[in-house]
PDB file of N, CA and C in Angstrom:
ATOM      1  N   MET A   1      97.970  91.574 127.785  1.00  0.00           N
ATOM      2  CA  MET A   1      98.779  92.813 126.846  1.00  0.00           C
ATOM      3  C   MET A   1      99.146  93.326 128.219  1.00  0.00           C
ATOM      4  N   LYS A   2     100.150  94.362 127.862  1.00  0.00           N
ATOM      5  CA  LYS A   2     100.364  95.771 128.925  1.00  0.00           C
ATOM      6  C   LYS A   2     100.709  96.830 127.979  1.00  0.00           C
ATOM      7  N   ARG A   3      99.142  97.122 127.631  1.00  0.00           N
ATOM      8  CA  ARG A   3      99.203  98.456 126.707  1.00  0.00           C
ATOM      9  C   ARG A   3      99.867  99.621 126.411  1.00  0.00           C
ATOM     10  N   GLU A   4     100.115 100.019 128.180  1.00  0.00           N
ATOM     11  CA  GLU A   4     100.719 101.304 128.895  1.00  0.00           C
ATOM     12  C   GLU A   4     102.445 101.103 128.449  1.00  0.00           C
ATOM     13  N   LEU A   5     103.067  99.885 128.024  1.00  0.00           N
ATOM     14  CA  LEU A   5     104.232  99.732 128.114  1.00  0.00           C
ATOM     15  C   LEU A   5     104.602 100.022 125.762  1.00  0.00           C
ATOM     16  N   GLY A   6     103.318 100.353 125.489  1.00  0.00           N
ATOM     17  CA  GLY A   6     103.397 100.470 124.114  1.00  0.00           C
ATOM     18  C   GLY A   6     104.733  99.854 123.017  1.00  0.00           C
ATOM     19  N   ILE A   7     104.601 101.252 121.712  1.00  0.00           N
ATOM     20  CA  ILE A   7     105.924 100.246 121.527  1.00  0.00           C
ATOM     21  C   ILE A   7     107.436 100.834 121.543  1.00  0.00           C
ATOM     22  N   ALA A   8     108.259  99.757 121.544  1.00  0.00           N
ATOM     23  CA  ALA A   8     109.845 100.523 121.738  1.00  0.00           C
ATOM     24  C   ALA A   8     110.190 101.380 120.984  1.00  0.00           C
ATOM     25  N   ARG A   9     111.026 102.168 120.967  1.00  0.00           N
ATOM     26  CA  ARG A   9     111.153 102.936 119.947  1.00  0.00           C
ATOM     27  C   ARG A   9     111.991 102.047 118.468  1.00  0.00           C
ATOM     28  N   CYS A  10     112.092 101.080 118.771  1.00  0.00           N
ATOM     29  CA  CYS A  10     112.552 100.355 117.434  1.00  0.00           C
ATOM     30  C   CYS A  10     111.532 100.082 116.985  1.00  0.00           C
ATOM     31  N   GLY A  11     110.732  99.580 117.269  1.00  0.00           N
ATOM     32  CA  GLY A  11     109.430  98.960 116.949  1.00  0.00           C
ATOM     33  C   GLY A  11     109.020  97.961 117.252  1.00  0.00           C
ATOM     34  N   LEU A  12     109.646  97.070 118.459  1.00  0.00           N
ATOM     35  CA  LEU A  12     109.666  96.423 119.072  1.00  0.00           C
ATOM     36  C   LEU A  12     108.253  96.176 119.684  1.00  0.00           C
ATOM     37  N   ALA A  13     107.442  95.740 120.448  1.00  0.00           N
ATOM     38  CA  ALA A  13     106.139  95.589 120.747  1.00  0.00           C
ATOM     39  C   ALA A  13     106.386  95.661 122.296  1.00  0.00           C
ATOM     40  N   CYS A  14     106.880  96.301 123.330  1.00  0.00           N
ATOM     41  CA  CYS A  14     107.079  96.052 124.878  1.00  0.00           C
ATOM     42  C   CYS A  14     105.810  95.673 125.090  1.00  0.00           C
ATOM     43  N   CYS A  15     104.619  96.088 124.748  1.00  0.00           N
ATOM     44  CA  CYS A  15     103.507  95.624 125.323  1.00  0.00           C
ATOM     45  C   CYS A  15     102.701  94.094 125.204  1.00  0.00           C
ATOM     46  N   LEU A  16     103.500  93.563 124.656  1.00  0.00           N
ATOM     47  CA  LEU A  16     103.392  92.108 124.482  1.00  0.00           C
ATOM     48  C   LEU A  16     104.428  91.266 124.528  1.00  0.00           C
ATOM     49  N   CYS A  17     105.619  91.901 125.389  1.00  0.00           N
ATOM     50  CA  CYS A  17     107.034  91.077 125.199  1.00  0.00           C
ATOM     51  C   CYS A  17     107.076  89.912 126.701  1.00  0.00           C
ATOM     52  N   SER A  18     107.403  89.160 126.139  1.00  0.00           N
ATOM     53  CA  SER A  18     107.730  87.797 127.460  1.00  0.00           C
ATOM     54  C   SER A  18     108.471  88.623 128.511  1.00  0.00           C
ATOM     55  N   GLU A  19     109.935  89.975 128.074  1.00  0.00           N
ATOM     56  CA  GLU A  19     110.847  90.373 128.864  1.00  0.00           C
ATOM     57  C   GLU A  19     110.030  91.437 129.737  1.00  0.00           C
ATOM     58  N   ASN A  20     108.640  91.846 129.405  1.00  0.00           N
ATOM     59  CA  ASN A  20     108.947  93.111 130.201  1.00  0.00           C
ATOM     60  C   ASN A  20     108.230  92.958 131.615  1.00  0.00           C
ATOM     61  N   ASP A  21     108.420  92.002 132.450  1.00  0.00           N
ATOM     62  CA  ASP A  21     108.188  92.054 134.076  1.00  0.00           C
ATOM     63  C   ASP A  21     109.714  92.518 134.072  1.00  0.00           C
ATOM     64  N   HIS A  22     111.095  92.284 133.790  1.00  0.00           N
ATOM     65  CA  HIS A  22     111.947  92.784 134.466  1.00  0.00           C
ATOM     66  C   HIS A  22     112.867  94.458 133.096  1.00  0.00           C
ATOM     67  N   CYS A  23     112.636  94.334 132.038  1.00  0.00           N
ATOM     68  CA  CYS A  23     112.583  94.895 131.296  1.00  0.00           C
ATOM     69  C   CYS A  23     112.491  96.870 131.873  1.00  0.00           C
ATOM     70  N   SER A  24     113.069  97.835 131.748  1.00  0.00           N
ATOM     71  CA  SER A  24     113.055  98.924 132.072  1.00  0.00           C
ATOM     72  C   SER A  24     112.553  99.915 130.765  1.00  0.00           C
ATOM     73  N   GLY A  25     112.652  99.330 129.674  1.00  0.00           N
ATOM     74  CA  GLY A  25     112.704 100.119 128.339  1.00  0.00           C
ATOM     75  C   GLY A  25     113.249 100.524 127.952  1.00  0.00           C
ATOM     76  N   CYS A  26     113.691 100.888 126.759  1.00  0.00           N
ATOM     77  CA  CYS A  26     114.706 102.086 126.132  1.00  0.00           C
ATOM     78  C   CYS A  26     114.369 103.443 126.551  1.00  0.00           C
ATOM     79  N   ASN A  27     113.360 103.783 127.044  1.00  0.00           N
ATOM     80  CA  ASN A  27     113.142 105.214 127.567  1.00  0.00           C
ATOM     81  C   ASN A  27     113.697 105.534 128.942  1.00  0.00           C
ATOM     82  N   SER A  28     114.286 104.845 129.581  1.00  0.00           N
ATOM     83  CA  SER A  28     114.838 104.123 130.652  1.00  0.00           C
ATOM     84  C   SER A  28     116.501 104.314 130.646  1.00  0.00           C
ATOM     85  N   ASN A  29     117.018 105.132 131.484  1.00  0.00           N
ATOM     86  CA  ASN A  29     118.638 104.854 132.421  1.00  0.00           C
ATOM     87  C   ASN A  29     118.966 103.948 132.531  1.00  0.00           C
ATOM     88  N   GLU A  30     118.165 102.902 132.765  1.00  0.00           N
ATOM     89  CA  GLU A  30     118.507 101.824 133.300  1.00  0.00           C
ATOM     90  C   GLU A  30     118.656 100.536 132.042  1.00  0.00           C
ATOM     91  N   CYS A  31     118.195 100.783 130.885  1.00  0.00           N
ATOM     92  CA  CYS A  31     118.064  99.961 129.788  1.00  0.00           C
ATOM     93  C   CYS A  31     119.613  99.616 130.128  1.00  0.00           C
ATOM     94  N   ALA A  32     119.685  97.967 129.739  1.00  0.00           N
ATOM     95  CA  ALA A  32     120.729  97.922 129.846  1.00  0.00           C
ATOM     96  C   ALA A  32     121.444  97.410 127.993  1.00  0.00           C
ATOM     97  N   ASP A  33     120.634  97.979 127.385  1.00  0.00           N
ATOM     98  CA  ASP A  33     121.254  97.724 125.773  1.00  0.00           C
ATOM     99  C   ASP A  33     121.575  99.203 125.478  1.00  0.00           C
ATOM    100  N   LYS A  34     121.255 100.691 126.112  1.00  0.00           N
ATOM    101  CA  LYS A  34     121.101 101.472 126.040  1.00  0.00           C
ATOM    102  C   LYS A  34     122.703 102.226 125.503  1.00  0.00           C
ATOM    103  N   GLU A  35     123.555 101.512 125.530  1.00  0.00           N
ATOM    104  CA  GLU A  35     125.116 101.872 125.061  1.00  0.00           C
ATOM    105  C   GLU A  35     125.378 100.975 123.501  1.00  0.00           C
ATOM    106  N   TRP A  36     124.344 100.185 123.825  1.00  0.00           N
ATOM    107  CA  TRP A  36     124.601 100.022 121.840  1.00  0.00           C
ATOM    108  C   TRP A  36     123.742  99.761 121.085  1.00  0.00           C
ATOM    109  N   CYS A  37     122.559 100.044 121.341  1.00  0.00           N
ATOM    110  CA  CYS A  37     121.312 100.319 119.886  1.00  0.00           C
ATOM    111  C   CYS A  37     120.979 101.369 119.582  1.00  0.00           C
ATOM    112  N   GLU A  38     121.482 101.020 118.717  1.00  0.00           N
ATOM    113  CA  GLU A  38     121.325 102.600 117.327  1.00  0.00           C
ATOM    114  C   GLU A  38     120.009 103.090 117.233  1.00  0.00           C
ATOM    115  N   ASN A  39     119.437 102.509 117.329  1.00  0.00           N
ATOM    116  CA  ASN A  39     117.734 103.003 117.139  1.00  0.00           C
ATOM    117  C   ASN A  39     117.437 103.664 118.297  1.00  0.00           C
ATOM    118  N   ARG A  40     118.289 103.539 119.354  1.00  0.00           N
ATOM    119  CA  ARG A  40     117.810 104.388 121.033  1.00  0.00           C
ATOM    120  C   ARG A  40     118.508 105.631 120.710  1.00  0.00           C
ATOM    121  N   LYS A  41     120.270 104.963 120.201  1.00  0.00           N
ATOM    122  CA  LYS A  41     121.188 106.533 120.058  1.00  0.00           C
ATOM    123  C   LYS A  41     120.597 107.454 118.645  1.00  0.00           C
ATOM    124  N   CYS A  42     119.671 107.086 117.578  1.00  0.00           N
ATOM    125  CA  CYS A  42     119.726 107.656 116.494  1.00  0.00           C
ATOM    126  C   CYS A  42     118.560 108.941 116.970  1.00  0.00           C
ATOM    127  N   SER A  43     117.635 108.044 117.546  1.00  0.00           N
ATOM    128  CA  SER A  43     115.865 109.453 117.794  1.00  0.00           C
ATOM    129  C   SER A  43     116.456 109.590 118.796  1.00  0.00           C
ATOM    130  N   LEU A  44     117.195 109.395 120.391  1.00  0.00           N
ATOM    131  CA  LEU A  44     117.830 110.425 121.176  1.00  0.00           C
ATOM    132  C   LEU A  44     117.978 111.876 120.435  1.00  0.00           C
ATOM    133  N   LYS A  45     119.105 111.216 119.541  1.00  0.00           N
ATOM    134  CA  LYS A  45     119.906 112.878 118.468  1.00  0.00           C
ATOM    135  C   LYS A  45     118.967 112.762 118.309  1.00  0.00           C
ATOM    136  N   LYS A  46     118.471 112.957 117.283  1.00  0.00           N
ATOM    137  CA  LYS A  46     117.208 113.588 116.909  1.00  0.00           C
ATOM    138  C   LYS A  46     115.728 113.682 117.668  1.00  0.00           C
ATOM    139  N   CYS A  47     115.723 113.147 118.335  1.00  0.00           N
ATOM    140  CA  CYS A  47     114.733 114.091 119.539  1.00  0.00           C
ATOM    141  C   CYS A  47     113.729 113.425 118.562  1.00  0.00           C
ATOM    142  N   TYR A  48     113.172 112.329 118.788  1.00  0.00           N
ATOM    143  CA  TYR A  48     112.169 111.666 118.248  1.00  0.00           C
ATOM    144  C   TYR A  48     112.058 110.977 119.431  1.00  0.00           C
ATOM    145  N   ASP A  49     111.106 110.555 119.767  1.00  0.00           N
ATOM    146  CA  ASP A  49     110.366 109.501 120.841  1.00  0.00           C
ATOM    147  C   ASP A  49     110.677 107.795 120.209  1.00  0.00           C
ATOM    148  N   HIS A  50     110.306 107.690 118.853  1.00  0.00           N
ATOM    149  CA  HIS A  50     110.216 106.598 117.778  1.00  0.00           C
ATOM    150  C   HIS A  50     110.528 106.782 116.876  1.00  0.00           C
ATOM    151  N   CYS A  51     110.946 105.660 116.188  1.00  0.00           N
ATOM    152  CA  CYS A  51     111.921 105.873 114.682  1.00  0.00           C
ATOM    153  C   CYS A  51     110.519 105.752 113.830  1.00  0.00           C
ATOM    154  N   TYR A  52     109.924 105.674 113.968  1.00  0.00           N
ATOM    155  CA  TYR A  52     108.569 105.689 113.192  1.00  0.00           C
ATOM    156  C   TYR A  52     108.022 107.264 113.309  1.00  0.00           C
ATOM    157  N   ASN A  53     108.560 108.136 114.234  1.00  0.00           N
ATOM    158  CA  ASN A  53     108.965 109.546 113.817  1.00  0.00           C
ATOM    159  C   ASN A  53     109.473 110.145 112.625  1.00  0.00           C
ATOM    160  N   CYS A  54     110.422 109.128 112.804  1.00  0.00           N
ATOM    161  CA  CYS A  54     111.330 109.605 111.363  1.00  0.00           C
ATOM    162  C   CYS A  54     111.061 109.662 110.136  1.00  0.00           C
ATOM    163  N   ASN A  55     111.787 110.576 109.003  1.00  0.00           N
ATOM    164  CA  ASN A  55     110.905 110.472 107.229  1.00  0.00           C
ATOM    165  C   ASN A  55     111.621 109.267 106.972  1.00  0.00           C
ATOM    166  N   GLU A  56     112.953 109.145 107.366  1.00  0.00           N
ATOM    167  CA  GLU A  56     114.018 108.073 106.831  1.00  0.00           C
ATOM    168  C   GLU A  56     112.863 106.623 106.371  1.00  0.00           C
ATOM    169  N   ASP A  57     113.643 106.735 105.430  1.00  0.00           N
ATOM    170  CA  ASP A  57     113.323 104.760 105.588  1.00  0.00           C
ATOM    171  C   ASP A  57     114.766 104.486 105.784  1.00  0.00           C
ATOM    172  N   CYS A  58     114.835 103.479 106.741  1.00  0.00           N
ATOM    173  CA  CYS A  58     116.311 103.173 107.664  1.00  0.00           C
ATOM    174  C   CYS A  58     116.019 102.006 107.808  1.00  0.00           C
ATOM    175  N   LYS A  59     117.269 101.043 107.660  1.00  0.00           N
ATOM    176  CA  LYS A  59     117.126  99.887 108.342  1.00  0.00           C
ATOM    177  C   LYS A  59     118.189  99.398 109.194  1.00  0.00           C
ATOM    178  N   LYS A  60     118.874  99.892 110.221  1.00  0.00           N
ATOM    179  CA  LYS A  60     119.847 100.351 110.724  1.00  0.00           C
ATOM    180  C   LYS A  60     119.239  99.813 111.960  1.00  0.00           C
ATOM    181  N   GLY A  61     120.653  99.010 113.448  1.00  0.00           N
ATOM    182  CA  GLY A  61     120.064  98.237 113.717  1.00  0.00           C
ATOM    183  C   GLY A  61     118.794  97.247 114.086  1.00  0.00           C
ATOM    184  N   LEU A  62     118.027  97.011 114.699  1.00  0.00           N
ATOM    185  CA  LEU A  62     116.582  96.513 115.030  1.00  0.00           C
ATOM    186  C   LEU A  62     115.580  96.034 113.588  1.00  0.00           C
ATOM    187  N   LEU A  63     116.140  97.512 113.375  1.00  0.00           N
ATOM    188  CA  LEU A  63     114.873  97.689 112.183  1.00  0.00           C
ATOM    189  C   LEU A  63     115.869  97.137 110.222  1.00  0.00           C
ATOM    190  N   ALA A  64     117.300  96.123 110.638  1.00  0.00           N
ATOM    191  CA  ALA A  64     117.201  95.367 110.310  1.00  0.00           C
ATOM    192  C   ALA A  64     116.492  93.615 110.234  1.00  0.00           C
ATOM    193  N   LYS A  65     115.885  93.857 111.023  1.00  0.00           N
ATOM    194  CA  LYS A  65     114.983  92.775 110.722  1.00  0.00           C
ATOM    195  C   LYS A  65     113.672  93.092 110.539  1.00  0.00           C
ATOM    196  N   ILE A  66     112.830  92.304 110.049  1.00  0.00           N
ATOM    197  CA  ILE A  66     111.981  92.399 109.393  1.00  0.00           C
ATOM    198  C   ILE A  66     110.268  92.845 110.498  1.00  0.00           C
ATOM    199  N   LYS A  67     110.792  91.996 111.757  1.00  0.00           N
ATOM    200  CA  LYS A  67     109.243  92.175 112.859  1.00  0.00           C
ATOM    201  C   LYS A  67     109.252  93.594 112.885  1.00  0.00           C
ATOM    202  N   PRO A  68     110.301  94.491 113.505  1.00  0.00           N
ATOM    203  CA  PRO A  68     110.324  96.117 114.188  1.00  0.00           C
ATOM    204  C   PRO A  68     110.458  96.834 112.862  1.00  0.00           C
ATOM    205  N   TYR A  69     110.853  96.621 111.545  1.00  0.00           N
ATOM    206  CA  TYR A  69     110.948  96.882 110.523  1.00  0.00           C
ATOM    207  C   TYR A  69     109.590  96.896 110.273  1.00  0.00           C
ATOM    208  N   ALA A  70     108.721  96.476 109.964  1.00  0.00           N
ATOM    209  CA  ALA A  70     107.051  96.186 109.497  1.00  0.00           C
ATOM    210  C   ALA A  70     106.442  96.898 110.915  1.00  0.00           C
ATOM    211  N   PHE A  71     106.976  96.952 112.201  1.00  0.00           N
ATOM    212  CA  PHE A  71     105.597  97.639 113.337  1.00  0.00           C
ATOM    213  C   PHE A  71     105.906  98.993 112.754  1.00  0.00           C
ATOM    214  N   THR A  72     107.083  99.452 112.846  1.00  0.00           N
ATOM    215  CA  THR A  72     107.540 101.007 112.158  1.00  0.00           C
ATOM    216  C   THR A  72     107.003 101.235 111.593  1.00  0.00           C
ATOM    217  N   LEU A  73     106.789 100.878 110.086  1.00  0.00           N
ATOM    218  CA  LEU A  73     106.210 101.030 109.098  1.00  0.00           C
ATOM    219  C   LEU A  73     104.668 101.058 109.496  1.00  0.00           C
ATOM    220  N   PHE A  74     104.050 100.472 109.987  1.00  0.00           N
ATOM    221  CA  PHE A  74     102.860  99.908 110.589  1.00  0.00           C
ATOM    222  C   PHE A  74     102.273 101.658 111.040  1.00  0.00           C
ATOM    223  N   ALA A  75     103.191 102.061 112.032  1.00  0.00           N
ATOM    224  CA  ALA A  75     103.220 102.796 113.070  1.00  0.00           C
ATOM    225  C   ALA A  75     102.949 103.740 112.248  1.00  0.00           C
ATOM    226  N   LYS A  76     104.161 104.245 111.007  1.00  0.00           N
ATOM    227  CA  LYS A  76     104.159 105.562 110.110  1.00  0.00           C
ATOM    228  C   LYS A  76     102.936 105.418 109.453  1.00  0.00           C
ATOM    229  N   ARG A  77     102.468 104.294 108.769  1.00  0.00           N
ATOM    230  CA  ARG A  77     101.353 104.396 108.065  1.00  0.00           C
ATOM    231  C   ARG A  77      99.788 104.752 108.558  1.00  0.00           C
ATOM    232  N   TYR A  78      99.931 104.057 109.553  1.00  0.00           N
ATOM    233  CA  TYR A  78      98.571 104.635 110.460  1.00  0.00           C
ATOM    234  C   TYR A  78      98.642 104.915 112.316  1.00  0.00           C
ATOM    235  N   GLY A  79      99.599 104.637 112.281  1.00  0.00           N
ATOM    236  CA  GLY A  79      99.964 105.214 113.900  1.00  0.00           C
ATOM    237  C   GLY A  79      99.529 104.227 115.081  1.00  0.00           C
ATOM    238  N   GLU A  80     100.645 105.000 116.192  1.00  0.00           N
ATOM    239  CA  GLU A  80     100.849 103.868 117.144  1.00  0.00           C
ATOM    240  C   GLU A  80      99.043 103.110 117.511  1.00  0.00           C
ATOM    241  N   LYS A  81      98.188 104.048 118.185  1.00  0.00           N
ATOM    242  CA  LYS A  81      97.216 103.881 118.771  1.00  0.00           C
ATOM    243  C   LYS A  81      96.291 102.530 117.812  1.00  0.00           C
ATOM    244  N   THR A  82      96.328 102.858 116.683  1.00  0.00           N
ATOM    245  CA  THR A  82      96.148 101.323 115.798  1.00  0.00           C
ATOM    246  C   THR A  82      96.676 100.054 115.824  1.00  0.00           C
ATOM    247  N   LEU A  83      98.110 100.493 115.659  1.00  0.00           N
ATOM    248  CA  LEU A  83      99.372  99.270 115.857  1.00  0.00           C
ATOM    249  C   LEU A  83      98.636  98.445 117.194  1.00  0.00           C
ATOM    250  N   LEU A  84      98.643  99.344 117.985  1.00  0.00           N
ATOM    251  CA  LEU A  84      98.490  98.738 119.576  1.00  0.00           C
ATOM    252  C   LEU A  84      97.047  97.760 119.714  1.00  0.00           C
ATOM    253  N   ASP A  85      95.630  98.788 119.149  1.00  0.00           N
ATOM    254  CA  ASP A  85      94.667  98.061 118.675  1.00  0.00           C
ATOM    255  C   ASP A  85      94.346  96.419 117.927  1.00  0.00           C
ATOM    256  N   CYS A  86      95.158  96.897 117.130  1.00  0.00           N
ATOM    257  CA  CYS A  86      95.638  95.530 116.015  1.00  0.00           C
ATOM    258  C   CYS A  86      95.754  94.638 116.773  1.00  0.00           C
ATOM    259  N   LEU A  87      97.381  94.756 118.124  1.00  0.00           N
ATOM    260  CA  LEU A  87      97.900  94.155 118.900  1.00  0.00           C
ATOM    261  C   LEU A  87      97.239  93.427 119.402  1.00  0.00           C
ATOM    262  N   GLU A  88      95.981  94.112 120.038  1.00  0.00           N
ATOM    263  CA  GLU A  88      95.449  93.932 121.364  1.00  0.00           C
ATOM    264  C   GLU A  88      94.322  93.017 120.520  1.00  0.00           C
ATOM    265  N   ARG A  89      93.853  92.828 119.576  1.00  0.00           N
ATOM    266  CA  ARG A  89      92.919  92.610 118.699  1.00  0.00           C
ATOM    267  C   ARG A  89      93.143  91.008 118.356  1.00  0.00           C
ATOM    268  N   ASN A  90      94.394  91.131 118.020  1.00  0.00           N
ATOM    269  CA  ASN A  90      95.405  89.804 117.535  1.00  0.00           C
ATOM    270  C   ASN A  90      95.727  88.142 118.783  1.00  0.00           C
ATOM    271  N   GLU A  91      96.036  89.703 119.692  1.00  0.00           N
ATOM    272  CA  GLU A  91      96.152  88.618 120.631  1.00  0.00           C
ATOM    273  C   GLU A  91      94.886  87.396 121.295  1.00  0.00           C
ATOM    274  N   GLN A  92      94.344  88.857 121.829  1.00  0.00           N
ATOM    275  CA  GLN A  92      93.208  88.174 121.906  1.00  0.00           C
ATOM    276  C   GLN A  92      92.801  86.643 120.890  1.00  0.00           C
ATOM    277  N   LYS A  93      92.706  86.662 119.647  1.00  0.00           N
ATOM    278  CA  LYS A  93      92.499  85.721 118.576  1.00  0.00           C
ATOM    279  C   LYS A  93      93.425  84.876 118.879  1.00  0.00           C
ATOM    280  N   GLY A  94      94.738  84.291 120.041  1.00  0.00           N
ATOM    281  CA  GLY A  94      95.567  83.458 120.031  1.00  0.00           C
ATOM    282  C   GLY A  94      96.122  83.897 119.238  1.00  0.00           C
ATOM    283  N   ILE A  95      97.073  84.930 118.731  1.00  0.00           N
ATOM    284  CA  ILE A  95      98.174  85.376 117.670  1.00  0.00           C
ATOM    285  C   ILE A  95      99.721  85.435 118.889  1.00  0.00           C
ATOM    286  N   ILE A  96     100.338  84.564 118.586  1.00  0.00           N
ATOM    287  CA  ILE A  96     101.137  85.171 119.718  1.00  0.00           C
ATOM    288  C   ILE A  96     102.821  86.033 119.121  1.00  0.00           C
ATOM    289  N   TYR A  97     102.860  87.259 120.170  1.00  0.00           N
ATOM    290  CA  TYR A  97     103.714  87.601 119.469  1.00  0.00           C
ATOM    291  C   TYR A  97     105.208  87.102 119.598  1.00  0.00           C
ATOM    292  N   HIS A  98     105.830  86.620 120.819  1.00  0.00           N
ATOM    293  CA  HIS A  98     106.788  85.400 121.056  1.00  0.00           C
ATOM    294  C   HIS A  98     106.748  85.087 122.698  1.00  0.00           C
ATOM    295  N   ARG A  99     107.284  83.730 122.498  1.00  0.00           N
ATOM    296  CA  ARG A  99     107.027  83.322 123.888  1.00  0.00           C
ATOM    297  C   ARG A  99     108.662  83.473 124.019  1.00  0.00           C
ATOM    298  N   GLU A 100     109.329  82.846 125.558  1.00  0.00           N
ATOM    299  CA  GLU A 100     110.698  82.312 125.955  1.00  0.00           C
ATOM    300  C   GLU A 100     111.093  81.308 124.795  1.00  0.00           C
ATOM    301  N   GLY A 101     112.023  81.131 123.842  1.00  0.00           N
ATOM    302  CA  GLY A 101     112.366  79.859 123.376  1.00  0.00           C
ATOM    303  C   GLY A 101     112.027  79.808 122.426  1.00  0.00           C
ATOM    304  N   ILE A 102     110.541  80.333 121.553  1.00  0.00           N
ATOM    305  CA  ILE A 102     109.753  80.157 120.468  1.00  0.00           C
ATOM    306  C   ILE A 102     109.478  81.377 119.977  1.00  0.00           C
ATOM    307  N   ASN A 103     109.378  81.176 118.460  1.00  0.00           N
ATOM    308  CA  ASN A 103     109.048  81.947 117.536  1.00  0.00           C
ATOM    309  C   ASN A 103     107.488  82.179 117.517  1.00  0.00           C
ATOM    310  N   GLY A 104     107.017  83.187 117.254  1.00  0.00           N
ATOM    311  CA  GLY A 104     105.355  83.786 116.965  1.00  0.00           C
ATOM    312  C   GLY A 104     105.101  84.127 116.209  1.00  0.00           C
ATOM    313  N   ASP A 105     104.293  84.304 116.419  1.00  0.00           N
ATOM    314  CA  ASP A 105     102.748  84.280 114.487  1.00  0.00           C
ATOM    315  C   ASP A 105     103.549  85.456 113.648  1.00  0.00           C
ATOM    316  N   TYR A 106     104.258  86.777 114.638  1.00  0.00           N
ATOM    317  CA  TYR A 106     104.634  87.488 113.321  1.00  0.00           C
ATOM    318  C   TYR A 106     105.804  87.135 112.832  1.00  0.00           C
ATOM    319  N   ASP A 107     106.774  86.436 113.302  1.00  0.00           N
ATOM    320  CA  ASP A 107     108.015  86.064 113.100  1.00  0.00           C
ATOM    321  C   ASP A 107     108.089  85.185 111.733  1.00  0.00           C
ATOM    322  N   ASP A 108     107.001  84.885 110.965  1.00  0.00           N
ATOM    323  CA  ASP A 108     106.878  83.788 110.351  1.00  0.00           C
ATOM    324  C   ASP A 108     106.232  84.515 108.573  1.00  0.00           C
ATOM    325  N   PHE A 109     107.247  85.439 108.579  1.00  0.00           N
ATOM    326  CA  PHE A 109     107.327  86.468 107.614  1.00  0.00           C
ATOM    327  C   PHE A 109     108.691  86.620 106.920  1.00  0.00           C
ATOM    328  N   ASP A 110     108.961  86.832 105.172  1.00  0.00           N
ATOM    329  CA  ASP A 110     109.663  87.028 104.293  1.00  0.00           C
ATOM    330  C   ASP A 110     109.606  88.884 103.957  1.00  0.00           C
ATOM    331  N   ASP A 111     108.163  89.434 103.794  1.00  0.00           N
ATOM    332  CA  ASP A 111     107.803  90.042 103.186  1.00  0.00           C
ATOM    333  C   ASP A 111     106.952  91.548 103.572  1.00  0.00           C
ATOM    334  N   VAL A 112     107.425  92.469 104.189  1.00  0.00           N
ATOM    335  CA  VAL A 112     107.111  93.534 105.015  1.00  0.00           C
ATOM    336  C   VAL A 112     105.736  93.932 104.822  1.00  0.00           C
ATOM    337  N   GLU A 113     105.090  93.968 103.938  1.00  0.00           N
ATOM    338  CA  GLU A 113     103.865  94.290 103.102  1.00  0.00           C
ATOM    339  C   GLU A 113     102.861  92.964 103.533  1.00  0.00           C
ATOM    340  N   GLU A 114     103.411  91.755 103.847  1.00  0.00           N
ATOM    341  CA  GLU A 114     102.484  90.634 103.904  1.00  0.00           C
ATOM    342  C   GLU A 114     102.392  90.082 105.413  1.00  0.00           C
ATOM    343  N   LEU A 115     103.699  90.960 106.074  1.00  0.00           N
ATOM    344  CA  LEU A 115     103.136  91.274 107.651  1.00  0.00           C
ATOM    345  C   LEU A 115     102.123  92.456 108.511  1.00  0.00           C
ATOM    346  N   MET A 116     102.365  93.535 107.516  1.00  0.00           N
ATOM    347  CA  MET A 116     101.933  94.885 107.939  1.00  0.00           C
ATOM    348  C   MET A 116     100.367  94.252 107.551  1.00  0.00           C
ATOM    349  N   ARG A 117      99.512  93.447 106.517  1.00  0.00           N
ATOM    350  CA  ARG A 117      98.315  92.999 106.392  1.00  0.00           C
ATOM    351  C   ARG A 117      98.015  91.973 107.408  1.00  0.00           C
ATOM    352  N   PHE A 118      99.141  91.603 107.782  1.00  0.00           N
ATOM    353  CA  PHE A 118      98.660  90.034 108.601  1.00  0.00           C
ATOM    354  C   PHE A 118      98.654  91.372 110.498  1.00  0.00           C
ATOM    355  N   ILE A 119      99.169  91.980 110.713  1.00  0.00           N
ATOM    356  CA  ILE A 119      99.034  92.789 111.350  1.00  0.00           C
ATOM    357  C   ILE A 119      97.531  93.618 111.484  1.00  0.00           C
ATOM    358  N   LYS A 120      97.237  93.895 110.290  1.00  0.00           N
ATOM    359  CA  LYS A 120      96.115  94.610 110.346  1.00  0.00           C
ATOM    360  C   LYS A 120      94.752  93.956 110.218  1.00  0.00           C
ATOM    361  N   THR A 121      94.817  92.847 109.912  1.00  0.00           N
ATOM    362  CA  THR A 121      94.006  91.438 109.642  1.00  0.00           C
ATOM    363  C   THR A 121      93.560  90.597 110.270  1.00  0.00           C
ATOM    364  N   GLY A 122      95.038  90.125 111.761  1.00  0.00           N
ATOM    365  CA  GLY A 122      95.219  88.738 111.574  1.00  0.00           C
ATOM    366  C   GLY A 122      94.967  87.795 111.197  1.00  0.00           C
ATOM    367  N   GLU A 123      95.073  87.668 110.040  1.00  0.00           N
ATOM    368  CA  GLU A 123      94.461  86.691 109.276  1.00  0.00           C
ATOM    369  C   GLU A 123      95.788  86.381 108.118  1.00  0.00           C
ATOM    370  N   LYS A 124      96.247  85.045 107.840  1.00  0.00           N
ATOM    371  CA  LYS A 124      97.552  84.674 107.055  1.00  0.00           C
ATOM    372  C   LYS A 124      96.732  84.342 106.064  1.00  0.00           C
TER     373      LYS A 124
END
C-alpha cells in the first residue's frame, strides 16, 4: 500500500490502485481524465479536495458506482485516516482492492452499508 497516495477525489483508493506507478492522480494537471471526470470538476468548482468533504449525497460520475460511493461515505462518517487504516489492515489480511484484469474483494457488494461494514471489519 502506498498510503501517501491516499484517496482520490471520488473515493477510489489511489493508495491501493495497481495503476499508481504511472498515474499522476486527480490533483495533477497531468491527469489523463481531468477533462471528463465529473467528480474532479465538481469538487474543484466547490473548492473541495474530496467529494467526501461535500454535504450533498451525490451519485454523479464515479460515485454512481458502489465502491467509490461507499468509500466516500465511509470517509464522511469516519475520516480518511480511519479509511486508510482499515484498507491497510485489510490488505495485510489478504483482501484485494483490485488487480489488472480482475475484480477485487471490495467489488463483490450490492449494498453500500454491507460494503462499509466489510471495509471496517475486513469480514464478509
